[in-house]
Amino acid sequence: MSDPIVEYLEWKKQGGELRARAKHAIESRFRELLSEAAQLAEAYKEDFGSTLALPSSVTAFKFKPGG
């Protein structure tokens, strides 16, 4: 019979590794999206002479890195 504590610790370790990879992937994707949005806004301003208005959900959002 297997030891449930050993199984739990292994599961927790694997979950922690997955969590770290997911955190890194989400942070990277977030930066990519922000960079792409900034490039689009710049191109829009150059092509159409005005700035894009940010949706209220974006202006109300507060990013707190490392938290």
C-alpha atoms as a PDB file:
ATOM      1  CA  MET A   1       0.000   0.000   0.000  1.00  0.00           C
ATOM      2  CA  SER A   2       1.367   3.436  -0.926  1.00  0.00           C
ATOM      3  CA  ASP A   3       1.948   6.167   1.632  1.00  0.00           C
ATOM      4  CA  PRO A   4      -0.624   8.971   1.238  1.00  0.00           C
ATOM      5  CA  ILE A   5       1.786  11.533   2.714  1.00  0.00           C
ATOM      6  CA  VAL A   6       4.450  10.705   0.147  1.00  0.00           C
ATOM      7  CA  GLU A   7       1.860  10.813  -2.626  1.00  0.00           C
ATOM      8  CA  TYR A   8       0.572  14.165  -1.373  1.00  0.00           C
ATOM      9  CA  LEU A   9       4.067  15.682  -1.184  1.00  0.00           C
ATOM     10  CA  GLU A  10       4.834  14.532  -4.725  1.00  0.00           C
ATOM     11  CA  TRP A  11       1.535  15.932  -5.975  1.00  0.00           C
ATOM     12  CA  LYS A  12       2.225  19.229  -4.208  1.00  0.00           C
ATOM     13  CA  LYS A  13       5.716  19.420  -5.750  1.00  0.00           C
ATOM     14  CA  GLN A  14       4.357  18.783  -9.241  1.00  0.00           C
ATOM     15  CA  GLY A  15       1.607  21.349  -8.652  1.00  0.00           C
ATOM     16  CA  GLY A  16       4.167  23.897  -7.515  1.00  0.00           C
ATOM     17  CA  GLU A  17       6.249  23.361 -10.639  1.00  0.00           C
ATOM     18  CA  LEU A  18       3.172  23.729 -12.840  1.00  0.00           C
ATOM     19  CA  ARG A  19       2.142  26.849 -10.956  1.00  0.00           C
ATOM     20  CA  ALA A  20       5.586  28.415 -11.499  1.00  0.00           C
ATOM     21  CA  ARG A  21       5.514  27.622 -15.229  1.00  0.00           C
ATOM     22  CA  ALA A  22       1.966  28.960 -15.581  1.00  0.00           C
ATOM     23  CA  LYS A  23       2.873  32.143 -13.708  1.00  0.00           C
ATOM     24  CA  HIS A  24       5.827  32.761 -16.006  1.00  0.00           C
ATOM     25  CA  ALA A  25       3.738  32.054 -19.122  1.00  0.00           C
ATOM     26  CA  ILE A  26       0.943  34.408 -18.034  1.00  0.00           C
ATOM     27  CA  GLU A  27       3.379  37.196 -17.163  1.00  0.00           C
ATOM     28  CA  SER A  28       5.131  36.808 -20.527  1.00  0.00           C
ATOM     29  CA  ARG A  29       1.857  36.827 -22.433  1.00  0.00           C
ATOM     30  CA  PHE A  30       0.683  39.882 -20.493  1.00  0.00           C
ATOM     31  CA  ARG A  31       3.828  41.802 -21.500  1.00  0.00           C
ATOM     32  CA  GLU A  32       3.453  40.657 -25.130  1.00  0.00           C
ATOM     33  CA  LEU A  33      -0.145  41.874 -25.244  1.00  0.00           C
ATOM     34  CA  LEU A  34       0.751  45.232 -23.706  1.00  0.00           C
ATOM     35  CA  SER A  35       3.580  45.689 -26.213  1.00  0.00           C
ATOM     36  CA  GLU A  36       1.301  44.804 -29.111  1.00  0.00           C
ATOM     37  CA  ALA A  37      -1.381  47.197 -27.853  1.00  0.00           C
ATOM     38  CA  ALA A  38       1.180  50.002 -27.564  1.00  0.00           C
ATOM     39  CA  GLN A  39       2.387  49.342 -31.131  1.00  0.00           C
ATOM     40  CA  LEU A  40      -1.181  49.386 -32.443  1.00  0.00           C
ATOM     41  CA  ALA A  41      -1.953  52.618 -30.602  1.00  0.00           C
ATOM     42  CA  GLU A  42       1.178  54.213 -32.047  1.00  0.00           C
ATOM     43  CA  ALA A  43       0.313  53.112 -35.586  1.00  0.00           C
ATOM     44  CA  TYR A  44      -3.264  54.340 -35.148  1.00  0.00           C
ATOM     45  CA  LYS A  45      -2.041  57.752 -34.018  1.00  0.00           C
ATOM     46  CA  GLU A  46       0.384  57.996 -36.962  1.00  0.00           C
ATOM     47  CA  ASP A  47      -2.222  56.899 -39.512  1.00  0.00           C
ATOM     48  CA  PHE A  48      -5.331  58.648 -38.197  1.00  0.00           C
ATOM     49  CA  GLY A  49      -3.952  61.542 -36.147  1.00  0.00           C
ATOM     50  CA  SER A  50      -5.775  60.750 -32.926  1.00  0.00           C
ATOM     51  CA  THR A  51      -5.339  58.475 -29.982  1.00  0.00           C
ATOM     52  CA  LEU A  52      -7.382  55.442 -29.123  1.00  0.00           C
ATOM     53  CA  ALA A  53      -9.512  55.707 -25.994  1.00  0.00           C
ATOM     54  CA  LEU A  54      -8.882  52.986 -23.472  1.00  0.00           C
ATOM     55  CA  PRO A  55     -11.908  51.071 -22.181  1.00  0.00           C
ATOM     56  CA  SER A  56     -12.799  51.819 -18.571  1.00  0.00           C
ATOM     57  CA  SER A  57     -11.942  48.241 -17.587  1.00  0.00           C
ATOM     58  CA  VAL A  58      -8.349  48.956 -18.615  1.00  0.00           C
ATOM     59  CA  THR A  59      -8.025  52.369 -16.992  1.00  0.00           C
ATOM     60  CA  ALA A  60      -9.440  50.981 -13.723  1.00  0.00           C
ATOM     61  CA  PHE A  61      -7.038  48.002 -13.747  1.00  0.00           C
ATOM     62  CA  LYS A  62      -4.030  48.182 -11.418  1.00  0.00           C
ATOM     63  CA  PHE A  63      -1.201  45.742 -12.097  1.00  0.00           C
ATOM     64  CA  LYS A  64       0.806  44.866  -9.004  1.00  0.00           C
ATOM     65  CA  PRO A  65       3.879  42.849 -10.027  1.00  0.00           C
ATOM     66  CA  GLY A  66       5.187  40.205  -7.720  1.00  0.00           C
ATOM     67  CA  GLY A  67       2.076  40.184  -5.566  1.00  0.00           C
END
